[in-house]
C-alpha atoms as a PDB file:
ATOM      1  CA  MET A   1       1.697  10.946  19.312  1.00  0.00           C
ATOM      2  CA  SER A   2       3.466   7.905  20.717  1.00  0.00           C
ATOM      3  CA  LEU A   3       1.842   4.489  20.722  1.00  0.00           C
ATOM      4  CA  SER A   4       2.193   4.289  24.493  1.00  0.00           C
ATOM      5  CA  GLU A   5       3.159   6.628  27.292  1.00  0.00           C
ATOM      6  CA  ASP A   6       4.394   3.740  29.459  1.00  0.00           C
ATOM      7  CA  PRO A   7       8.220   3.993  29.694  1.00  0.00           C
ATOM      8  CA  ASP A   8       8.518   0.251  30.340  1.00  0.00           C
ATOM      9  CA  LEU A   9       6.906  -0.491  26.974  1.00  0.00           C
ATOM     10  CA  GLN A  10       9.289   1.675  24.942  1.00  0.00           C
ATOM     11  CA  PRO A  11      12.068  -0.967  24.566  1.00  0.00           C
ATOM     12  CA  ILE A  12       9.452  -3.562  23.606  1.00  0.00           C
ATOM     13  CA  LEU A  13       7.916  -1.242  20.992  1.00  0.00           C
ATOM     14  CA  LEU A  14      11.383  -0.413  19.670  1.00  0.00           C
ATOM     15  CA  GLY A  15      12.266  -4.091  19.227  1.00  0.00           C
ATOM     16  CA  LEU A  16       8.855  -4.980  17.810  1.00  0.00           C
ATOM     17  CA  PHE A  17       8.727  -2.281  15.145  1.00  0.00           C
ATOM     18  CA  LEU A  18      12.396  -2.676  14.246  1.00  0.00           C
ATOM     19  CA  SER A  19      11.767  -6.395  13.664  1.00  0.00           C
ATOM     20  CA  MET A  20       8.635  -5.691  11.614  1.00  0.00           C
ATOM     21  CA  TYR A  21      10.486  -3.118   9.527  1.00  0.00           C
ATOM     22  CA  LEU A  22      13.397  -5.468   8.792  1.00  0.00           C
ATOM     23  CA  VAL A  23      11.050  -8.356   7.945  1.00  0.00           C
ATOM     24  CA  THR A  24       9.067  -6.093   5.589  1.00  0.00           C
ATOM     25  CA  VAL A  25      12.120  -4.765   3.763  1.00  0.00           C
ATOM     26  CA  LEU A  26      13.754  -8.196   3.512  1.00  0.00           C
ATOM     27  CA  GLY A  27      10.539  -9.925   2.391  1.00  0.00           C
ATOM     28  CA  ASN A  28       9.777  -7.392  -0.326  1.00  0.00           C
ATOM     29  CA  LEU A  29      13.396  -7.331  -1.497  1.00  0.00           C
ATOM     30  CA  LEU A  30      13.263 -11.124  -1.846  1.00  0.00           C
ATOM     31  CA  ILE A  31      10.151 -10.797  -4.014  1.00  0.00           C
ATOM     32  CA  ILE A  32      11.910  -8.231  -6.231  1.00  0.00           C
ATOM     33  CA  LEU A  33      15.056 -10.392  -6.404  1.00  0.00           C
ATOM     34  CA  ALA A  34      13.066 -13.542  -7.200  1.00  0.00           C
ATOM     35  CA  VAL A  35      11.193 -11.821 -10.038  1.00  0.00           C
ATOM     36  CA  SER A  36      14.255 -10.146 -11.524  1.00  0.00           C
ATOM     37  CA  SER A  37      16.477 -13.257 -11.376  1.00  0.00           C
ATOM     38  CA  ASP A  38      14.019 -15.770 -12.868  1.00  0.00           C
ATOM     39  CA  SER A  39      13.255 -15.350 -16.566  1.00  0.00           C
ATOM     40  CA  HIS A  40      10.060 -17.391 -16.160  1.00  0.00           C
ATOM     41  CA  LEU A  41       8.702 -14.591 -13.958  1.00  0.00           C
ATOM     42  CA  HIS A  42       9.303 -11.853 -16.512  1.00  0.00           C
ATOM     43  CA  THR A  43       5.571 -11.463 -17.116  1.00  0.00           C
ATOM     44  CA  PRO A  44       3.203  -8.506 -16.571  1.00  0.00           C
ATOM     45  CA  MET A  45       1.773  -9.932 -13.332  1.00  0.00           C
ATOM     46  CA  TYR A  46       5.176 -10.270 -11.686  1.00  0.00           C
ATOM     47  CA  PHE A  47       6.364  -6.967 -13.118  1.00  0.00           C
ATOM     48  CA  PHE A  48       3.488  -5.259 -11.313  1.00  0.00           C
ATOM     49  CA  LEU A  49       4.153  -7.360  -8.201  1.00  0.00           C
ATOM     50  CA  SER A  50       7.803  -6.250  -8.017  1.00  0.00           C
ATOM     51  CA  ASN A  51       6.680  -2.616  -8.318  1.00  0.00           C
ATOM     52  CA  LEU A  52       4.119  -3.218  -5.546  1.00  0.00           C
ATOM     53  CA  SER A  53       6.897  -4.614  -3.339  1.00  0.00           C
ATOM     54  CA  LEU A  54       9.020  -1.549  -4.064  1.00  0.00           C
ATOM     55  CA  ALA A  55       6.100   0.715  -3.110  1.00  0.00           C
ATOM     56  CA  ASP A  56       5.586  -1.262   0.115  1.00  0.00           C
ATOM     57  CA  ILE A  57       9.231  -0.741   1.072  1.00  0.00           C
ATOM     58  CA  GLY A  58       8.829   2.979   0.436  1.00  0.00           C
ATOM     59  CA  LEU A  59       5.538   3.139   2.359  1.00  0.00           C
ATOM     60  CA  ILE A  60       6.884   1.592   5.550  1.00  0.00           C
ATOM     61  CA  SER A  61      10.179   3.507   5.247  1.00  0.00           C
ATOM     62  CA  THR A  62       8.397   6.866   5.413  1.00  0.00           C
ATOM     63  CA  ASN A  63       6.998   6.214   8.897  1.00  0.00           C
ATOM     64  CA  VAL A  64       8.752   3.495  10.875  1.00  0.00           C
ATOM     65  CA  PRO A  65      12.383   4.773  10.881  1.00  0.00           C
ATOM     66  CA  LYS A  66      11.238   8.159  12.227  1.00  0.00           C
ATOM     67  CA  MET A  67       9.087   6.417  14.836  1.00  0.00           C
ATOM     68  CA  LEU A  68      12.051   4.270  15.917  1.00  0.00           C
ATOM     69  CA  VAL A  69      14.201   7.391  16.283  1.00  0.00           C
ATOM     70  CA  ASN A  70      11.453   9.023  18.351  1.00  0.00           C
ATOM     71  CA  ILE A  71      11.245   6.031  20.682  1.00  0.00           C
ATOM     72  CA  ARG A  72      15.031   5.833  21.000  1.00  0.00           C
ATOM     73  CA  THR A  73      15.521   9.562  21.687  1.00  0.00           C
ATOM     74  CA  HIS A  74      12.304  10.020  23.710  1.00  0.00           C
ATOM     75  CA  SER A  75      11.338  12.872  21.397  1.00  0.00           C
ATOM     76  CA  ARG A  76       8.221  13.142  19.253  1.00  0.00           C
ATOM     77  CA  ALA A  77       9.046  16.411  17.510  1.00  0.00           C
ATOM     78  CA  ILE A  78       9.226  16.774  13.736  1.00  0.00           C
ATOM     79  CA  SER A  79      10.110  19.858  11.736  1.00  0.00           C
ATOM     80  CA  TYR A  80       7.689  21.649   9.429  1.00  0.00           C
ATOM     81  CA  ALA A  81       9.664  20.584   6.332  1.00  0.00           C
ATOM     82  CA  GLY A  82      10.080  17.082   7.744  1.00  0.00           C
ATOM     83  CA  CYS A  83       6.338  16.739   8.297  1.00  0.00           C
ATOM     84  CA  LEU A  84       5.474  17.816   4.752  1.00  0.00           C
ATOM     85  CA  THR A  85       8.191  15.548   3.349  1.00  0.00           C
ATOM     86  CA  GLN A  86       6.926  12.567   5.321  1.00  0.00           C
ATOM     87  CA  MET A  87       3.349  13.276   4.260  1.00  0.00           C
ATOM     88  CA  SER A  88       4.405  13.620   0.612  1.00  0.00           C
ATOM     89  CA  PHE A  89       6.249  10.302   0.451  1.00  0.00           C
ATOM     90  CA  PHE A  90       3.491   8.556   2.394  1.00  0.00           C
ATOM     91  CA  LEU A  91       0.940   9.751  -0.178  1.00  0.00           C
ATOM     92  CA  ILE A  92       3.166   8.791  -3.111  1.00  0.00           C
ATOM     93  CA  PHE A  93       3.837   5.234  -1.962  1.00  0.00           C
ATOM     94  CA  GLY A  94       0.364   4.716  -0.487  1.00  0.00           C
ATOM     95  CA  CYS A  95      -1.280   5.864  -3.701  1.00  0.00           C
ATOM     96  CA  MET A  96       1.138   3.699  -5.713  1.00  0.00           C
ATOM     97  CA  ASP A  97      -0.131   0.689  -3.757  1.00  0.00           C
ATOM     98  CA  ASP A  98      -3.686   1.762  -4.510  1.00  0.00           C
ATOM     99  CA  MET A  99      -3.104   2.285  -8.237  1.00  0.00           C
ATOM    100  CA  LEU A 100      -0.989  -0.856  -8.698  1.00  0.00           C
ATOM    101  CA  LEU A 101      -3.626  -3.051  -7.053  1.00  0.00           C
ATOM    102  CA  THR A 102      -6.122  -1.660  -9.589  1.00  0.00           C
ATOM    103  CA  VAL A 103      -3.715  -2.309 -12.469  1.00  0.00           C
ATOM    104  CA  MET A 104      -3.095  -5.851 -11.220  1.00  0.00           C
ATOM    105  CA  ALA A 105      -6.859  -6.474 -11.122  1.00  0.00           C
ATOM    106  CA  TYR A 106      -7.056  -5.396 -14.774  1.00  0.00           C
ATOM    107  CA  ASP A 107      -4.129  -7.701 -15.570  1.00  0.00           C
ATOM    108  CA  ARG A 108      -5.964 -10.666 -13.980  1.00  0.00           C
ATOM    109  CA  TYR A 109      -9.121  -9.723 -15.908  1.00  0.00           C
ATOM    110  CA  VAL A 110      -7.281  -9.823 -19.236  1.00  0.00           C
ATOM    111  CA  ALA A 111      -5.477 -13.077 -18.314  1.00  0.00           C
ATOM    112  CA  ILE A 112      -8.695 -14.920 -17.412  1.00  0.00           C
ATOM    113  CA  CYS A 113     -11.278 -13.346 -19.706  1.00  0.00           C
ATOM    114  CA  HIS A 114      -9.057 -12.841 -22.783  1.00  0.00           C
ATOM    115  CA  PRO A 115      -6.275 -15.458 -22.456  1.00  0.00           C
ATOM    116  CA  LEU A 116      -5.555 -15.720 -26.196  1.00  0.00           C
ATOM    117  CA  GLN A 117      -4.999 -11.973 -26.526  1.00  0.00           C
ATOM    118  CA  TYR A 118      -3.201 -11.601 -23.181  1.00  0.00           C
ATOM    119  CA  SER A 119       0.338 -11.251 -24.532  1.00  0.00           C
ATOM    120  CA  ILE A 120      -0.857  -8.784 -27.181  1.00  0.00           C
ATOM    121  CA  ILE A 121      -2.929  -6.607 -24.828  1.00  0.00           C
ATOM    122  CA  MET A 122      -0.515  -6.657 -21.876  1.00  0.00           C
ATOM    123  CA  ASN A 123       2.558  -5.846 -23.918  1.00  0.00           C
ATOM    124  CA  PRO A 124       5.689  -4.368 -22.268  1.00  0.00           C
ATOM    125  CA  CYS A 125       4.902  -0.848 -23.460  1.00  0.00           C
ATOM    126  CA  LEU A 126       1.449  -0.906 -21.868  1.00  0.00           C
ATOM    127  CA  CYS A 127       2.839  -2.365 -18.613  1.00  0.00           C
ATOM    128  CA  VAL A 128       5.443   0.394 -18.309  1.00  0.00           C
ATOM    129  CA  PHE A 129       2.813   3.002 -19.231  1.00  0.00           C
ATOM    130  CA  LEU A 130       0.433   1.758 -16.502  1.00  0.00           C
ATOM    131  CA  VAL A 131       3.180   1.906 -13.865  1.00  0.00           C
ATOM    132  CA  LEU A 132       4.209   5.403 -14.971  1.00  0.00           C
ATOM    133  CA  MET A 133       0.574   6.550 -14.891  1.00  0.00           C
ATOM    134  CA  SER A 134       0.246   5.118 -11.373  1.00  0.00           C
ATOM    135  CA  LEU A 135       3.317   7.103 -10.359  1.00  0.00           C
ATOM    136  CA  TRP A 136       1.949  10.246 -12.025  1.00  0.00           C
ATOM    137  CA  PHE A 137      -1.376  10.000 -10.171  1.00  0.00           C
ATOM    138  CA  SER A 138       0.532   9.403  -6.930  1.00  0.00           C
ATOM    139  CA  LEU A 139       2.687  12.488  -7.448  1.00  0.00           C
ATOM    140  CA  LEU A 140      -0.434  14.512  -8.303  1.00  0.00           C
ATOM    141  CA  GLU A 141      -2.184  13.528  -5.067  1.00  0.00           C
ATOM    142  CA  SER A 142       0.941  14.347  -3.082  1.00  0.00           C
ATOM    143  CA  GLN A 143       1.231  17.777  -4.681  1.00  0.00           C
ATOM    144  CA  ILE A 144      -2.457  18.561  -4.062  1.00  0.00           C
ATOM    145  CA  HIS A 145      -1.981  18.008  -0.325  1.00  0.00           C
ATOM    146  CA  ASN A 146       1.306  19.922  -0.304  1.00  0.00           C
ATOM    147  CA  PHE A 147      -0.230  22.870  -2.121  1.00  0.00           C
ATOM    148  CA  ILE A 148      -3.039  23.100   0.425  1.00  0.00           C
ATOM    149  CA  ALA A 149      -0.679  22.752   3.381  1.00  0.00           C
ATOM    150  CA  LEU A 150       1.657  25.441   2.023  1.00  0.00           C
ATOM    151  CA  TYR A 151      -1.110  27.783   0.856  1.00  0.00           C
ATOM    152  CA  PHE A 152      -3.182  28.076   4.020  1.00  0.00           C
ATOM    153  CA  THR A 153      -0.764  28.541   6.869  1.00  0.00           C
ATOM    154  CA  TYR A 154       2.617  27.905   8.347  1.00  0.00           C
ATOM    155  CA  PHE A 155       1.987  25.849  11.451  1.00  0.00           C
ATOM    156  CA  LYS A 156       4.308  25.231  14.382  1.00  0.00           C
ATOM    157  CA  ASP A 157       3.964  23.813  17.881  1.00  0.00           C
ATOM    158  CA  MET A 158       0.974  21.806  16.702  1.00  0.00           C
ATOM    159  CA  LYS A 159      -0.007  18.332  17.902  1.00  0.00           C
ATOM    160  CA  ILE A 160      -0.765  15.554  15.408  1.00  0.00           C
ATOM    161  CA  SER A 161      -2.977  12.795  16.783  1.00  0.00           C
ATOM    162  CA  ASN A 162      -1.070   9.969  15.136  1.00  0.00           C
ATOM    163  CA  PHE A 163       2.408   8.439  15.132  1.00  0.00           C
ATOM    164  CA  PHE A 164       3.217  10.074  11.777  1.00  0.00           C
ATOM    165  CA  CYS A 165       2.089  13.057   9.701  1.00  0.00           C
ATOM    166  CA  GLN A 166      -1.099  11.491   8.411  1.00  0.00           C
ATOM    167  CA  PRO A 167      -2.527  13.592   5.540  1.00  0.00           C
ATOM    168  CA  SER A 168      -6.022  13.903   7.023  1.00  0.00           C
ATOM    169  CA  GLN A 169      -4.547  15.064  10.343  1.00  0.00           C
ATOM    170  CA  VAL A 170      -2.339  17.663   8.638  1.00  0.00           C
ATOM    171  CA  LEU A 171      -5.295  18.822   6.538  1.00  0.00           C
ATOM    172  CA  SER A 172      -7.353  19.292   9.709  1.00  0.00           C
ATOM    173  CA  LEU A 173      -4.612  21.478  11.167  1.00  0.00           C
ATOM    174  CA  VAL A 174      -4.113  23.737   8.161  1.00  0.00           C
ATOM    175  CA  CYS A 175      -7.743  24.047   7.016  1.00  0.00           C
ATOM    176  CA  PHE A 176      -9.642  26.227   9.453  1.00  0.00           C
ATOM    177  CA  ASP A 177     -12.482  26.291   6.934  1.00  0.00           C
ATOM    178  CA  THR A 178     -14.491  23.071   7.330  1.00  0.00           C
ATOM    179  CA  PHE A 179     -16.062  23.403   3.884  1.00  0.00           C
ATOM    180  CA  THR A 180     -12.657  23.564   2.171  1.00  0.00           C
ATOM    181  CA  LYS A 181     -11.357  20.603   4.154  1.00  0.00           C
ATOM    182  CA  ASN A 182     -14.408  18.466   3.384  1.00  0.00           C
ATOM    183  CA  THR A 183     -14.364  19.431  -0.303  1.00  0.00           C
ATOM    184  CA  VAL A 184     -10.735  18.385  -0.662  1.00  0.00           C
ATOM    185  CA  MET A 185     -11.339  15.136   1.224  1.00  0.00           C
ATOM    186  CA  TYR A 186     -14.356  14.226  -0.938  1.00  0.00           C
ATOM    187  CA  ILE A 187     -12.468  14.922  -4.171  1.00  0.00           C
ATOM    188  CA  VAL A 188      -9.438  12.888  -3.072  1.00  0.00           C
ATOM    189  CA  VAL A 189     -11.585   9.978  -1.827  1.00  0.00           C
ATOM    190  CA  ALA A 190     -13.602   9.974  -5.064  1.00  0.00           C
ATOM    191  CA  ILE A 191     -10.551   9.951  -7.351  1.00  0.00           C
ATOM    192  CA  TYR A 192      -8.150   7.820  -5.345  1.00  0.00           C
ATOM    193  CA  GLY A 193     -10.618   5.695  -3.403  1.00  0.00           C
ATOM    194  CA  PHE A 194     -13.903   5.207  -5.220  1.00  0.00           C
ATOM    195  CA  LEU A 195     -12.553   4.934  -8.783  1.00  0.00           C
ATOM    196  CA  PRO A 196      -9.834   2.329  -7.998  1.00  0.00           C
ATOM    197  CA  VAL A 197     -12.285   0.267  -5.935  1.00  0.00           C
ATOM    198  CA  LEU A 198     -14.820   0.499  -8.754  1.00  0.00           C
ATOM    199  CA  GLY A 199     -12.168  -0.682 -11.220  1.00  0.00           C
ATOM    200  CA  ILE A 200     -11.233  -3.634  -9.011  1.00  0.00           C
ATOM    201  CA  PHE A 201     -14.859  -4.645  -8.447  1.00  0.00           C
ATOM    202  CA  SER A 202     -15.617  -4.382 -12.177  1.00  0.00           C
ATOM    203  CA  SER A 203     -12.606  -6.547 -13.034  1.00  0.00           C
ATOM    204  CA  TYR A 204     -13.492  -9.204 -10.489  1.00  0.00           C
ATOM    205  CA  TYR A 205     -17.152  -9.182 -11.477  1.00  0.00           C
ATOM    206  CA  LYS A 206     -16.128 -10.090 -15.018  1.00  0.00           C
ATOM    207  CA  ILE A 207     -13.528 -12.571 -13.721  1.00  0.00           C
ATOM    208  CA  VAL A 208     -16.068 -14.393 -11.558  1.00  0.00           C
ATOM    209  CA  SER A 209     -18.594 -14.410 -14.402  1.00  0.00           C
ATOM    210  CA  SER A 210     -15.982 -15.930 -16.701  1.00  0.00           C
ATOM    211  CA  ILE A 211     -14.883 -18.526 -14.127  1.00  0.00           C
ATOM    212  CA  LEU A 212     -18.472 -19.668 -13.501  1.00  0.00           C
ATOM    213  CA  ARG A 213     -18.782 -20.517 -17.193  1.00  0.00           C
ATOM    214  CA  ILE A 214     -15.903 -23.015 -16.952  1.00  0.00           C
ATOM    215  CA  PRO A 215     -17.468 -26.514 -16.886  1.00  0.00           C
ATOM    216  CA  SER A 216     -14.916 -28.408 -14.785  1.00  0.00           C
ATOM    217  CA  SER A 217     -14.324 -27.712 -11.090  1.00  0.00           C
ATOM    218  CA  GLY A 218     -10.591 -28.184 -11.623  1.00  0.00           C
ATOM    219  CA  GLY A 219     -10.584 -25.488 -14.272  1.00  0.00           C
ATOM    220  CA  LYS A 220     -12.498 -23.131 -11.994  1.00  0.00           C
ATOM    221  CA  TYR A 221     -10.012 -23.692  -9.165  1.00  0.00           C
ATOM    222  CA  LYS A 222      -7.010 -23.180 -11.443  1.00  0.00           C
ATOM    223  CA  ALA A 223      -8.466 -19.960 -12.851  1.00  0.00           C
ATOM    224  CA  PHE A 224      -9.374 -18.541  -9.456  1.00  0.00           C
ATOM    225  CA  SER A 225      -6.035 -19.533  -7.884  1.00  0.00           C
ATOM    226  CA  THR A 226      -4.231 -17.194 -10.282  1.00  0.00           C
ATOM    227  CA  CYS A 227      -5.897 -14.175  -8.650  1.00  0.00           C
ATOM    228  CA  GLY A 228      -6.294 -15.491  -5.074  1.00  0.00           C
ATOM    229  CA  SER A 229      -3.143 -13.767  -3.782  1.00  0.00           C
ATOM    230  CA  HIS A 230      -4.090 -10.442  -5.338  1.00  0.00           C
ATOM    231  CA  LEU A 231      -7.604 -10.646  -3.906  1.00  0.00           C
ATOM    232  CA  SER A 232      -6.172 -11.348  -0.434  1.00  0.00           C
ATOM    233  CA  VAL A 233      -3.888  -8.304  -0.638  1.00  0.00           C
ATOM    234  CA  VAL A 234      -6.770  -6.109  -1.885  1.00  0.00           C
ATOM    235  CA  CYS A 235      -8.974  -7.168   1.044  1.00  0.00           C
ATOM    236  CA  LEU A 236      -6.132  -6.579   3.503  1.00  0.00           C
ATOM    237  CA  PHE A 237      -5.190  -3.166   2.087  1.00  0.00           C
ATOM    238  CA  TYR A 238      -8.683  -1.716   1.744  1.00  0.00           C
ATOM    239  CA  GLY A 239     -10.020  -3.465   4.829  1.00  0.00           C
ATOM    240  CA  THR A 240      -7.424  -1.896   7.124  1.00  0.00           C
ATOM    241  CA  ALA A 241      -7.620   1.509   5.386  1.00  0.00           C
ATOM    242  CA  ILE A 242     -11.408   1.616   5.732  1.00  0.00           C
ATOM    243  CA  GLY A 243     -11.028   0.478   9.347  1.00  0.00           C
ATOM    244  CA  VAL A 244      -8.823   3.487  10.091  1.00  0.00           C
ATOM    245  CA  TYR A 245     -11.345   6.000   8.776  1.00  0.00           C
ATOM    246  CA  LEU A 246     -14.283   4.253  10.420  1.00  0.00           C
ATOM    247  CA  ALA A 247     -12.383   4.187  13.709  1.00  0.00           C
ATOM    248  CA  SER A 248     -11.566   7.893  13.468  1.00  0.00           C
ATOM    249  CA  ALA A 249     -15.196   8.689  12.627  1.00  0.00           C
ATOM    250  CA  VAL A 250     -16.829   6.499  15.295  1.00  0.00           C
ATOM    251  CA  SER A 251     -14.257   6.655  18.067  1.00  0.00           C
ATOM    252  CA  HIS A 252     -13.025   9.932  19.528  1.00  0.00           C
ATOM    253  CA  SER A 253      -9.948   8.221  20.977  1.00  0.00           C
ATOM    254  CA  PRO A 254      -6.786   9.253  19.055  1.00  0.00           C
ATOM    255  CA  ARG A 255      -4.985   6.241  20.545  1.00  0.00           C
ATOM    256  CA  LYS A 256      -7.373   3.798  18.851  1.00  0.00           C
ATOM    257  CA  THR A 257      -7.000   5.599  15.533  1.00  0.00           C
ATOM    258  CA  THR A 258      -3.217   5.360  15.884  1.00  0.00           C
ATOM    259  CA  VAL A 259      -3.397   1.620  16.494  1.00  0.00           C
ATOM    260  CA  PHE A 260      -5.566   1.156  13.385  1.00  0.00           C
ATOM    261  CA  SER A 261      -3.091   3.278  11.401  1.00  0.00           C
ATOM    262  CA  VAL A 262      -0.333   0.837  12.311  1.00  0.00           C
ATOM    263  CA  MET A 263      -2.362  -1.908  10.648  1.00  0.00           C
ATOM    264  CA  TYR A 264      -2.352  -0.446   7.141  1.00  0.00           C
ATOM    265  CA  THR A 265       0.970   1.400   7.254  1.00  0.00           C
ATOM    266  CA  VAL A 266       3.088  -1.318   8.898  1.00  0.00           C
ATOM    267  CA  VAL A 267       1.289  -4.662   9.082  1.00  0.00           C
ATOM    268  CA  THR A 268      -0.089  -4.699   5.513  1.00  0.00           C
ATOM    269  CA  PRO A 269       3.291  -4.103   3.768  1.00  0.00           C
ATOM    270  CA  MET A 270       4.810  -6.765   6.041  1.00  0.00           C
ATOM    271  CA  LEU A 271       2.181  -9.403   5.183  1.00  0.00           C
ATOM    272  CA  ASN A 272       2.126  -8.848   1.406  1.00  0.00           C
ATOM    273  CA  PRO A 273       5.328 -10.862   0.676  1.00  0.00           C
ATOM    274  CA  PHE A 274       4.080 -13.747   2.825  1.00  0.00           C
ATOM    275  CA  ILE A 275       0.738 -13.801   1.019  1.00  0.00           C
ATOM    276  CA  TYR A 276       2.353 -13.911  -2.410  1.00  0.00           C
ATOM    277  CA  SER A 277       5.116 -16.361  -1.474  1.00  0.00           C
ATOM    278  CA  LEU A 278       2.854 -18.800   0.394  1.00  0.00           C
ATOM    279  CA  ARG A 279       0.054 -18.821  -2.196  1.00  0.00           C
ATOM    280  CA  ASN A 280       2.175 -18.679  -5.339  1.00  0.00           C
ATOM    281  CA  LYS A 281       4.081 -21.739  -6.561  1.00  0.00           C
ATOM    282  CA  ASP A 282       6.170 -19.734  -9.052  1.00  0.00           C
ATOM    283  CA  ILE A 283       7.458 -17.387  -6.345  1.00  0.00           C
ATOM    284  CA  LYS A 284       8.201 -20.299  -4.000  1.00  0.00           C
ATOM    285  CA  THR A 285      10.084 -22.137  -6.759  1.00  0.00           C
ATOM    286  CA  SER A 286      12.115 -19.035  -7.602  1.00  0.00           C
ATOM    287  CA  LEU A 287      12.961 -18.440  -3.933  1.00  0.00           C
ATOM    288  CA  LYS A 288      14.079 -22.067  -3.594  1.00  0.00           C
ATOM    289  CA  LYS A 289      16.352 -21.592  -6.615  1.00  0.00           C
ATOM    290  CA  LEU A 290      17.838 -18.469  -5.019  1.00  0.00           C
ATOM    291  CA  TRP A 291      18.411 -20.361  -1.784  1.00  0.00           C
ATOM    292  CA  SER A 292      20.083 -23.308  -3.568  1.00  0.00           C
ATOM    293  CA  ARG A 293      22.389 -20.912  -5.455  1.00  0.00           C
ATOM    294  CA  SER A 294      23.454 -19.162  -2.274  1.00  0.00           C
ATOM    295  CA  THR A 295      24.182 -22.457  -0.502  1.00  0.00           C
END
């Protein structure tokens, strides 16, 4: 489905989404470059942040380039293999975002609640292990959806009510059995939705409890400022994702669901670098150093 059927809007949409894609890729690449080039940022928090930026680049790259080609060629067709490939990479990078946000919440919990043991607990081996486990869970979710799509039917000449091969839309097409579709959706939501959210809430519950025990207001502000950027990204990511599913459940307009999908697949990855660079002095300092070197 296209975002608009109006031919006069197609050049505007092309320019808008091309600009958003370039800003997203450039912004996240700058975050990765800033972290990798500054030895002061070689810490667990920024290691996870650079991986989150990499996942954001992958997430937006699975959908927007194909959409730009569709707008440019006035064609909305996608092959069977292309649809499954797009869905697979979307699930991998989307789930990586989900898992990494949970890992980053745990990192902030250890930093604030156990500061003296932070370097011991969050050692390089554990950091790499957590990223690899996030990738493993992402690959597992992708393969679950692929297995279902390949097992049930080979579909062609089907219409997907979104601007990309959204997993829930593909699942609705291939699962004629409502019970099977709902069972799969509940299992996936429980594992990849409820458990990460529960982990984030548990971490922040303990963080807030620890911060409230700090006597000085300055100490409270300093402690909370270390996780303010992460909390903003969590609210943005889950807020837009929940909005999509609520919109699809309440509204029967595919166009509205498509617009909400743009929010968490395009807008969220674009805003993440701005949130971290504007609210984080270390990132801003590192970016200034990069700029001074280049000039």
